PDB file of N, CA and C in Angstrom:
ATOM      1  N   MET A   1      18.525  -9.369  11.983  1.00  0.00           N
ATOM      2  CA  MET A   1      18.000  -7.592  12.255  1.00  0.00           C
ATOM      3  C   MET A   1      16.839  -7.169  10.649  1.00  0.00           C
ATOM      4  N   LEU A   2      16.337  -7.137  11.716  1.00  0.00           N
ATOM      5  CA  LEU A   2      15.514  -6.136  10.553  1.00  0.00           C
ATOM      6  C   LEU A   2      15.881  -4.321  10.175  1.00  0.00           C
ATOM      7  N   GLN A   3      15.787  -3.998   9.205  1.00  0.00           N
ATOM      8  CA  GLN A   3      16.619  -2.477   8.544  1.00  0.00           C
ATOM      9  C   GLN A   3      15.484  -1.846   8.381  1.00  0.00           C
ATOM     10  N   ARG A   4      14.673  -1.498   9.174  1.00  0.00           N
ATOM     11  CA  ARG A   4      13.862  -0.388   9.218  1.00  0.00           C
ATOM     12  C   ARG A   4      13.803   1.039   8.439  1.00  0.00           C
ATOM     13  N   ARG A   5      12.941   1.139   7.468  1.00  0.00           N
ATOM     14  CA  ARG A   5      12.742   2.380   7.054  1.00  0.00           C
ATOM     15  C   ARG A   5      11.522   2.858   5.895  1.00  0.00           C
ATOM     16  N   ILE A   6      10.656   4.227   6.735  1.00  0.00           N
ATOM     17  CA  ILE A   6      10.063   4.991   6.721  1.00  0.00           C
ATOM     18  C   ILE A   6       9.753   5.314   4.873  1.00  0.00           C
ATOM     19  N   ILE A   7       8.642   4.679   4.502  1.00  0.00           N
ATOM     20  CA  ILE A   7       8.483   4.957   2.861  1.00  0.00           C
ATOM     21  C   ILE A   7       7.079   6.181   2.877  1.00  0.00           C
ATOM     22  N   LEU A   8       8.173   7.247   2.186  1.00  0.00           N
ATOM     23  CA  LEU A   8       6.661   8.080   2.669  1.00  0.00           C
ATOM     24  C   LEU A   8       6.462   8.584   0.751  1.00  0.00           C
ATOM     25  N   GLN A   9       7.008   8.222  -0.070  1.00  0.00           N
ATOM     26  CA  GLN A   9       6.861   8.434  -1.959  1.00  0.00           C
ATOM     27  C   GLN A   9       5.554   7.598  -2.197  1.00  0.00           C
ATOM     28  N   ARG A  10       4.124   7.932  -2.406  1.00  0.00           N
ATOM     29  CA  ARG A  10       3.816   7.510  -3.201  1.00  0.00           C
ATOM     30  C   ARG A  10       3.943   6.227  -3.949  1.00  0.00           C
ATOM     31  N   ASN A  11       2.747   5.135  -3.511  1.00  0.00           N
ATOM     32  CA  ASN A  11       3.628   4.199  -4.572  1.00  0.00           C
ATOM     33  C   ASN A  11       4.665   3.657  -4.123  1.00  0.00           C
ATOM     34  N   ALA A  12       5.106   3.768  -2.931  1.00  0.00           N
ATOM     35  CA  ALA A  12       6.121   2.597  -3.501  1.00  0.00           C
ATOM     36  C   ALA A  12       6.971   2.086  -3.537  1.00  0.00           C
ATOM     37  N   LEU A  13       5.400   1.106  -2.769  1.00  0.00           N
ATOM     38  CA  LEU A  13       6.034   0.098  -1.771  1.00  0.00           C
ATOM     39  C   LEU A  13       4.891  -1.352  -3.509  1.00  0.00           C
ATOM     40  N   ASN A  14       4.584  -0.530  -4.662  1.00  0.00           N
ATOM     41  CA  ASN A  14       4.721  -1.275  -5.615  1.00  0.00           C
ATOM     42  C   ASN A  14       5.316  -2.748  -6.335  1.00  0.00           C
ATOM     43  N   GLY A  15       6.658  -2.192  -5.944  1.00  0.00           N
ATOM     44  CA  GLY A  15       7.578  -3.067  -6.166  1.00  0.00           C
ATOM     45  C   GLY A  15       7.282  -4.579  -4.910  1.00  0.00           C
ATOM     46  N   LEU A  16       6.859  -4.060  -4.592  1.00  0.00           N
ATOM     47  CA  LEU A  16       6.863  -5.096  -3.482  1.00  0.00           C
ATOM     48  C   LEU A  16       5.324  -6.493  -3.282  1.00  0.00           C
ATOM     49  N   LYS A  17       4.193  -5.463  -4.763  1.00  0.00           N
ATOM     50  CA  LYS A  17       2.822  -5.750  -5.123  1.00  0.00           C
ATOM     51  C   LYS A  17       3.264  -7.390  -4.811  1.00  0.00           C
ATOM     52  N   ASN A  18       3.978  -8.449  -6.095  1.00  0.00           N
ATOM     53  CA  ASN A  18       3.695  -9.528  -5.876  1.00  0.00           C
ATOM     54  C   ASN A  18       4.584 -10.514  -4.938  1.00  0.00           C
ATOM     55  N   LYS A  19       4.806  -9.667  -3.751  1.00  0.00           N
ATOM     56  CA  LYS A  19       6.170 -10.690  -2.637  1.00  0.00           C
ATOM     57  C   LYS A  19       5.123 -11.084  -1.655  1.00  0.00           C
ATOM     58  N   PRO A  20       5.519 -11.852  -0.705  1.00  0.00           N
ATOM     59  CA  PRO A  20       4.968 -11.938   0.434  1.00  0.00           C
ATOM     60  C   PRO A  20       5.124 -10.871   1.318  1.00  0.00           C
ATOM     61  N   LEU A  21       4.542 -10.384   1.863  1.00  0.00           N
ATOM     62  CA  LEU A  21       4.563  -9.615   3.283  1.00  0.00           C
ATOM     63  C   LEU A  21       4.016 -10.235   4.582  1.00  0.00           C
ATOM     64  N   GLU A  22       4.760 -10.262   5.232  1.00  0.00           N
ATOM     65  CA  GLU A  22       3.742 -10.300   6.703  1.00  0.00           C
ATOM     66  C   GLU A  22       3.350  -8.446   7.358  1.00  0.00           C
ATOM     67  N   LEU A  23       2.022  -8.624   7.981  1.00  0.00           N
ATOM     68  CA  LEU A  23       1.849  -7.891   8.594  1.00  0.00           C
ATOM     69  C   LEU A  23       1.940  -7.095   9.868  1.00  0.00           C
ATOM     70  N   PHE A  24       2.565  -6.798  10.435  1.00  0.00           N
ATOM     71  CA  PHE A  24       3.080  -6.462  12.227  1.00  0.00           C
ATOM     72  C   PHE A  24       2.262  -5.820  12.799  1.00  0.00           C
ATOM     73  N   SER A  25       1.202  -4.302  11.961  1.00  0.00           N
ATOM     74  CA  SER A  25       0.910  -3.330  12.875  1.00  0.00           C
ATOM     75  C   SER A  25      -0.169  -2.618  11.472  1.00  0.00           C
ATOM     76  N   LEU A  26      -0.822  -2.361  11.813  1.00  0.00           N
ATOM     77  CA  LEU A  26      -2.139  -1.629  12.114  1.00  0.00           C
ATOM     78  C   LEU A  26      -2.905  -0.748  12.415  1.00  0.00           C
ATOM     79  N   ILE A  27      -3.065   0.710  12.148  1.00  0.00           N
ATOM     80  CA  ILE A  27      -3.647   1.716  13.361  1.00  0.00           C
ATOM     81  C   ILE A  27      -3.875   2.548  12.187  1.00  0.00           C
ATOM     82  N   GLY A  28      -5.479   2.799  13.018  1.00  0.00           N
ATOM     83  CA  GLY A  28      -6.117   4.389  12.322  1.00  0.00           C
ATOM     84  C   GLY A  28      -7.693   4.852  13.433  1.00  0.00           C
ATOM     85  N   ILE A  29      -7.637   4.914  11.595  1.00  0.00           N
ATOM     86  CA  ILE A  29      -9.089   5.341  12.171  1.00  0.00           C
ATOM     87  C   ILE A  29     -10.158   5.680  11.107  1.00  0.00           C
ATOM     88  N   ILE A  30     -11.486   5.155  11.645  1.00  0.00           N
ATOM     89  CA  ILE A  30     -12.671   5.224  11.086  1.00  0.00           C
ATOM     90  C   ILE A  30     -13.589   5.806  11.411  1.00  0.00           C
ATOM     91  N   ALA A  31     -13.545   7.241   9.925  1.00  0.00           N
ATOM     92  CA  ALA A  31     -14.388   9.272  10.390  1.00  0.00           C
ATOM     93  C   ALA A  31     -15.794   9.361   9.584  1.00  0.00           C
ATOM     94  N   ASP A  32     -16.713   8.687   9.353  1.00  0.00           N
ATOM     95  CA  ASP A  32     -17.592   8.659   8.448  1.00  0.00           C
ATOM     96  C   ASP A  32     -17.788   7.610   7.015  1.00  0.00           C
ATOM     97  N   GLY A  33     -16.988   6.368   8.213  1.00  0.00           N
ATOM     98  CA  GLY A  33     -17.845   5.458   7.451  1.00  0.00           C
ATOM     99  C   GLY A  33     -16.272   5.000   6.217  1.00  0.00           C
ATOM    100  N   LYS A  34     -15.071   6.297   6.248  1.00  0.00           N
ATOM    101  CA  LYS A  34     -14.355   5.595   6.060  1.00  0.00           C
ATOM    102  C   LYS A  34     -12.726   6.155   6.786  1.00  0.00           C
ATOM    103  N   PRO A  35     -11.958   4.580   5.965  1.00  0.00           N
ATOM    104  CA  PRO A  35     -10.558   4.238   7.018  1.00  0.00           C
ATOM    105  C   PRO A  35      -9.238   4.830   6.465  1.00  0.00           C
ATOM    106  N   HIS A  36      -9.151   5.316   7.367  1.00  0.00           N
ATOM    107  CA  HIS A  36      -7.723   6.110   7.167  1.00  0.00           C
ATOM    108  C   HIS A  36      -6.627   4.974   7.652  1.00  0.00           C
ATOM    109  N   LEU A  37      -6.266   4.316   7.677  1.00  0.00           N
ATOM    110  CA  LEU A  37      -5.377   3.238   8.113  1.00  0.00           C
ATOM    111  C   LEU A  37      -3.941   3.435   7.976  1.00  0.00           C
ATOM    112  N   HIS A  38      -2.703   2.922   8.686  1.00  0.00           N
ATOM    113  CA  HIS A  38      -1.049   2.768   9.036  1.00  0.00           C
ATOM    114  C   HIS A  38      -0.961   1.613   8.942  1.00  0.00           C
ATOM    115  N   ALA A  39      -0.062   0.943   8.300  1.00  0.00           N
ATOM    116  CA  ALA A  39       0.384  -0.386   8.275  1.00  0.00           C
ATOM    117  C   ALA A  39       2.313  -0.190   7.786  1.00  0.00           C
ATOM    118  N   VAL A  40       2.133  -1.196   9.051  1.00  0.00           N
ATOM    119  CA  VAL A  40       3.488  -1.673   8.920  1.00  0.00           C
ATOM    120  C   VAL A  40       3.798  -3.985   9.208  1.00  0.00           C
ATOM    121  N   VAL A  41       4.811  -3.003   7.677  1.00  0.00           N
ATOM    122  CA  VAL A  41       4.659  -5.107   6.635  1.00  0.00           C
ATOM    123  C   VAL A  41       6.488  -4.861   6.725  1.00  0.00           C
ATOM    124  N   SER A  42       6.596  -6.379   6.602  1.00  0.00           N
ATOM    125  CA  SER A  42       8.557  -7.054   6.938  1.00  0.00           C
ATOM    126  C   SER A  42       8.375  -8.417   6.022  1.00  0.00           C
ATOM    127  N   ASP A  43       8.963  -7.899   4.628  1.00  0.00           N
ATOM    128  CA  ASP A  43       9.698  -8.743   3.847  1.00  0.00           C
ATOM    129  C   ASP A  43      10.719  -9.303   4.716  1.00  0.00           C
ATOM    130  N   CYS A  44      11.625 -10.533   4.165  1.00  0.00           N
ATOM    131  CA  CYS A  44      13.072 -10.768   5.315  1.00  0.00           C
ATOM    132  C   CYS A  44      13.865  -9.427   5.736  1.00  0.00           C
ATOM    133  N   GLU A  45      14.231  -8.974   4.120  1.00  0.00           N
ATOM    134  CA  GLU A  45      15.072  -7.904   4.979  1.00  0.00           C
ATOM    135  C   GLU A  45      14.800  -5.857   5.000  1.00  0.00           C
ATOM    136  N   ARG A  46      13.268  -5.949   5.209  1.00  0.00           N
ATOM    137  CA  ARG A  46      13.318  -4.737   5.932  1.00  0.00           C
ATOM    138  C   ARG A  46      11.621  -4.749   6.174  1.00  0.00           C
ATOM    139  N   ALA A  47      11.490  -3.701   6.956  1.00  0.00           N
ATOM    140  CA  ALA A  47      10.003  -3.162   7.349  1.00  0.00           C
ATOM    141  C   ALA A  47       9.769  -1.648   6.889  1.00  0.00           C
ATOM    142  N   TYR A  48       8.381  -1.703   6.529  1.00  0.00           N
ATOM    143  CA  TYR A  48       7.797  -0.743   5.471  1.00  0.00           C
ATOM    144  C   TYR A  48       6.952  -0.184   6.296  1.00  0.00           C
ATOM    145  N   ALA A  49       6.745   1.043   6.239  1.00  0.00           N
ATOM    146  CA  ALA A  49       5.417   1.660   6.706  1.00  0.00           C
ATOM    147  C   ALA A  49       4.774   2.286   6.231  1.00  0.00           C
ATOM    148  N   GLU A  50       3.430   1.709   5.991  1.00  0.00           N
ATOM    149  CA  GLU A  50       2.654   3.403   4.545  1.00  0.00           C
ATOM    150  C   GLU A  50       1.160   3.478   5.197  1.00  0.00           C
ATOM    151  N   HIS A  51       0.596   4.122   4.224  1.00  0.00           N
ATOM    152  CA  HIS A  51      -1.129   4.190   4.154  1.00  0.00           C
ATOM    153  C   HIS A  51      -1.474   2.390   3.576  1.00  0.00           C
ATOM    154  N   LEU A  52      -2.372   2.244   4.208  1.00  0.00           N
ATOM    155  CA  LEU A  52      -2.921   1.064   3.508  1.00  0.00           C
ATOM    156  C   LEU A  52      -4.267   1.514   2.258  1.00  0.00           C
ATOM    157  N   GLU A  53      -4.210   1.168   0.884  1.00  0.00           N
ATOM    158  CA  GLU A  53      -5.668   1.426   0.486  1.00  0.00           C
ATOM    159  C   GLU A  53      -5.943   0.843   0.115  1.00  0.00           C
ATOM    160  N   GLU A  54      -7.622   0.762  -0.632  1.00  0.00           N
ATOM    161  CA  GLU A  54      -8.339  -0.326  -0.890  1.00  0.00           C
ATOM    162  C   GLU A  54      -7.420  -1.434  -2.194  1.00  0.00           C
ATOM    163  N   GLY A  55      -7.692  -2.431  -2.356  1.00  0.00           N
ATOM    164  CA  GLY A  55      -7.688  -3.108  -3.190  1.00  0.00           C
ATOM    165  C   GLY A  55      -6.810  -4.308  -2.482  1.00  0.00           C
ATOM    166  N   CYS A  56      -6.178  -3.691  -1.365  1.00  0.00           N
ATOM    167  CA  CYS A  56      -5.025  -4.737  -0.557  1.00  0.00           C
ATOM    168  C   CYS A  56      -5.037  -6.085  -0.438  1.00  0.00           C
ATOM    169  N   ARG A  57      -4.342  -7.762  -0.507  1.00  0.00           N
ATOM    170  CA  ARG A  57      -5.388  -8.374  -0.554  1.00  0.00           C
ATOM    171  C   ARG A  57      -4.833  -9.472   0.779  1.00  0.00           C
ATOM    172  N   THR A  58      -5.325 -10.422   1.448  1.00  0.00           N
ATOM    173  CA  THR A  58      -4.319 -11.227   2.485  1.00  0.00           C
ATOM    174  C   THR A  58      -4.601 -12.932   1.437  1.00  0.00           C
ATOM    175  N   LEU A  59      -3.290 -12.893   2.055  1.00  0.00           N
ATOM    176  CA  LEU A  59      -3.250 -14.319   1.347  1.00  0.00           C
ATOM    177  C   LEU A  59      -3.446 -15.339   2.005  1.00  0.00           C
ATOM    178  N   TYR A  60      -3.241 -15.637   3.465  1.00  0.00           N
ATOM    179  CA  TYR A  60      -3.125 -16.080   4.259  1.00  0.00           C
ATOM    180  C   TYR A  60      -4.516 -15.446   5.391  1.00  0.00           C
ATOM    181  N   LEU A  61      -3.969 -14.934   6.072  1.00  0.00           N
ATOM    182  CA  LEU A  61      -4.616 -14.802   7.850  1.00  0.00           C
ATOM    183  C   LEU A  61      -4.436 -13.369   7.776  1.00  0.00           C
ATOM    184  N   ALA A  62      -4.914 -12.386   8.186  1.00  0.00           N
ATOM    185  CA  ALA A  62      -5.308 -10.950   8.864  1.00  0.00           C
ATOM    186  C   ALA A  62      -5.920 -11.092  10.224  1.00  0.00           C
ATOM    187  N   GLU A  63      -5.161 -10.790  11.114  1.00  0.00           N
ATOM    188  CA  GLU A  63      -6.310 -10.623  12.480  1.00  0.00           C
ATOM    189  C   GLU A  63      -6.431  -9.518  13.010  1.00  0.00           C
ATOM    190  N   ILE A  64      -7.878  -8.697  12.675  1.00  0.00           N
ATOM    191  CA  ILE A  64      -7.331  -7.044  12.357  1.00  0.00           C
ATOM    192  C   ILE A  64      -8.997  -7.229  13.973  1.00  0.00           C
ATOM    193  N   VAL A  65      -8.904  -6.345  14.374  1.00  0.00           N
ATOM    194  CA  VAL A  65      -9.842  -6.157  16.006  1.00  0.00           C
ATOM    195  C   VAL A  65     -10.316  -4.439  16.106  1.00  0.00           C
ATOM    196  N   VAL A  66     -11.290  -4.145  15.828  1.00  0.00           N
ATOM    197  CA  VAL A  66     -11.807  -2.495  14.949  1.00  0.00           C
ATOM    198  C   VAL A  66     -12.481  -2.282  17.054  1.00  0.00           C
ATOM    199  N   LEU A  67     -12.852  -1.556  17.001  1.00  0.00           N
ATOM    200  CA  LEU A  67     -13.000  -1.470  18.429  1.00  0.00           C
ATOM    201  C   LEU A  67     -13.789  -0.368  18.221  1.00  0.00           C
ATOM    202  N   GLU A  68     -14.891  -0.160  18.365  1.00  0.00           N
ATOM    203  CA  GLU A  68     -15.830   1.052  18.702  1.00  0.00           C
ATOM    204  C   GLU A  68     -16.127   1.447  19.568  1.00  0.00           C
ATOM    205  N   VAL A  69     -15.788   3.089  19.373  1.00  0.00           N
ATOM    206  CA  VAL A  69     -15.011   4.215  21.026  1.00  0.00           C
ATOM    207  C   VAL A  69     -17.284   5.035  20.685  1.00  0.00           C
ATOM    208  N   LYS A  70     -18.107   4.567  21.197  1.00  0.00           N
ATOM    209  CA  LYS A  70     -19.191   5.526  21.093  1.00  0.00           C
ATOM    210  C   LYS A  70     -19.852   6.382  21.536  1.00  0.00           C
ATOM    211  N   SER A  71     -18.559   6.680  22.829  1.00  0.00           N
ATOM    212  CA  SER A  71     -19.030   8.445  23.352  1.00  0.00           C
ATOM    213  C   SER A  71     -17.955   9.797  21.700  1.00  0.00           C
ATOM    214  N   VAL A  72     -17.651   8.965  20.859  1.00  0.00           N
ATOM    215  CA  VAL A  72     -16.602   9.837  20.397  1.00  0.00           C
ATOM    216  C   VAL A  72     -16.846  10.022  19.084  1.00  0.00           C
ATOM    217  N   ASP A  73     -17.700  10.521  18.474  1.00  0.00           N
ATOM    218  CA  ASP A  73     -18.134  10.971  17.382  1.00  0.00           C
ATOM    219  C   ASP A  73     -16.893  11.661  16.000  1.00  0.00           C
ATOM    220  N   LEU A  74     -15.925  10.836  14.916  1.00  0.00           N
ATOM    221  CA  LEU A  74     -15.433  11.073  14.451  1.00  0.00           C
ATOM    222  C   LEU A  74     -15.192  11.517  13.029  1.00  0.00           C
ATOM    223  N   THR A  75     -15.787  12.962  12.619  1.00  0.00           N
ATOM    224  CA  THR A  75     -15.585  13.770  11.699  1.00  0.00           C
ATOM    225  C   THR A  75     -14.729  14.637  11.123  1.00  0.00           C
ATOM    226  N   ARG A  76     -14.993  14.338   9.094  1.00  0.00           N
ATOM    227  CA  ARG A  76     -13.798  14.832   8.874  1.00  0.00           C
ATOM    228  C   ARG A  76     -14.720  16.040   7.762  1.00  0.00           C
ATOM    229  N   ILE A  77     -13.823  17.803   7.924  1.00  0.00           N
ATOM    230  CA  ILE A  77     -13.980  19.209   7.835  1.00  0.00           C
ATOM    231  C   ILE A  77     -12.725  19.266   7.242  1.00  0.00           C
ATOM    232  N   ARG A  78     -13.086  20.251   6.153  1.00  0.00           N
ATOM    233  CA  ARG A  78     -12.166  20.911   5.535  1.00  0.00           C
ATOM    234  C   ARG A  78     -11.886  22.116   5.959  1.00  0.00           C
ATOM    235  N   ASP A  79     -10.835  22.206   6.122  1.00  0.00           N
ATOM    236  CA  ASP A  79     -10.283  23.724   7.175  1.00  0.00           C
ATOM    237  C   ASP A  79     -10.934  24.935   6.095  1.00  0.00           C
ATOM    238  N   GLU A  80     -10.334  26.489   6.271  1.00  0.00           N
ATOM    239  CA  GLU A  80      -9.925  27.357   5.692  1.00  0.00           C
ATOM    240  C   GLU A  80      -8.735  27.408   4.055  1.00  0.00           C
ATOM    241  N   ARG A  81      -7.532  26.288   4.838  1.00  0.00           N
ATOM    242  CA  ARG A  81      -6.989  26.440   3.781  1.00  0.00           C
ATOM    243  C   ARG A  81      -7.664  24.908   2.582  1.00  0.00           C
ATOM    244  N   ASN A  82      -8.774  24.161   3.024  1.00  0.00           N
ATOM    245  CA  ASN A  82      -9.007  23.312   2.435  1.00  0.00           C
ATOM    246  C   ASN A  82      -8.851  22.091   2.489  1.00  0.00           C
ATOM    247  N   ILE A  83      -7.789  22.019   4.114  1.00  0.00           N
ATOM    248  CA  ILE A  83      -7.014  20.546   4.131  1.00  0.00           C
ATOM    249  C   ILE A  83      -7.800  20.333   4.408  1.00  0.00           C
ATOM    250  N   LEU A  84      -8.512  18.873   4.874  1.00  0.00           N
ATOM    251  CA  LEU A  84      -8.911  17.845   5.707  1.00  0.00           C
ATOM    252  C   LEU A  84      -8.373  17.287   7.005  1.00  0.00           C
ATOM    253  N   LYS A  85      -9.272  18.153   8.220  1.00  0.00           N
ATOM    254  CA  LYS A  85      -8.934  17.654   8.870  1.00  0.00           C
ATOM    255  C   LYS A  85     -10.463  16.671   9.759  1.00  0.00           C
ATOM    256  N   LEU A  86      -9.744  16.120  11.224  1.00  0.00           N
ATOM    257  CA  LEU A  86     -10.006  15.440  11.576  1.00  0.00           C
ATOM    258  C   LEU A  86     -10.997  16.511  13.221  1.00  0.00           C
ATOM    259  N   LYS A  87     -12.162  15.752  13.209  1.00  0.00           N
ATOM    260  CA  LYS A  87     -13.111  16.458  14.129  1.00  0.00           C
ATOM    261  C   LYS A  87     -13.679  15.914  15.513  1.00  0.00           C
ATOM    262  N   SER A  88     -13.813  15.610  16.180  1.00  0.00           N
ATOM    263  CA  SER A  88     -14.412  15.281  17.245  1.00  0.00           C
ATOM    264  C   SER A  88     -15.911  15.667  16.904  1.00  0.00           C
ATOM    265  N   GLY A  89     -17.226  15.004  17.797  1.00  0.00           N
ATOM    266  CA  GLY A  89     -18.427  15.590  18.796  1.00  0.00           C
ATOM    267  C   GLY A  89     -18.223  16.304  19.909  1.00  0.00           C
ATOM    268  N   LEU A  90     -16.644  15.136  21.003  1.00  0.00           N
ATOM    269  CA  LEU A  90     -16.927  16.331  22.098  1.00  0.00           C
ATOM    270  C   LEU A  90     -16.220  17.333  22.012  1.00  0.00           C
ATOM    271  N   GLU A  91     -15.601  17.831  20.710  1.00  0.00           N
ATOM    272  CA  GLU A  91     -15.321  19.458  21.480  1.00  0.00           C
ATOM    273  C   GLU A  91     -16.068  20.776  21.060  1.00  0.00           C
ATOM    274  N   ASP A  92     -17.513  19.982  20.604  1.00  0.00           N
ATOM    275  CA  ASP A  92     -18.863  20.762  20.856  1.00  0.00           C
ATOM    276  C   ASP A  92     -18.932  20.747  22.013  1.00  0.00           C
ATOM    277  N   ARG A  93     -19.044  20.171  22.928  1.00  0.00           N
ATOM    278  CA  ARG A  93     -19.470  20.096  24.150  1.00  0.00           C
ATOM    279  C   ARG A  93     -18.555  20.729  24.266  1.00  0.00           C
ATOM    280  N   ALA A  94     -17.008  21.011  25.130  1.00  0.00           N
ATOM    281  CA  ALA A  94     -16.336  21.631  26.064  1.00  0.00           C
ATOM    282  C   ALA A  94     -16.861  23.000  25.964  1.00  0.00           C
TER     283      ALA A  94
END
């Protein structure tokens, strides 16, 4: 049985750097050409959830499908508190 836990700390998976992991799930968006992806990976003992960062490598195989939705134009803008928010071009049409 897998013991699931969510890793929230930055660089929390560093201890797993040289350990083989299996990719169970990858979900996210690409806005302004920049990916924001969440991954769930597992070793023999646990599952881990974390942001997928630049520099991650695939040892053997990763089958990933990217779907482009042409009717949605996603972009990131900063709000009045300087927090990066996701905005859709559809919001302008409403």
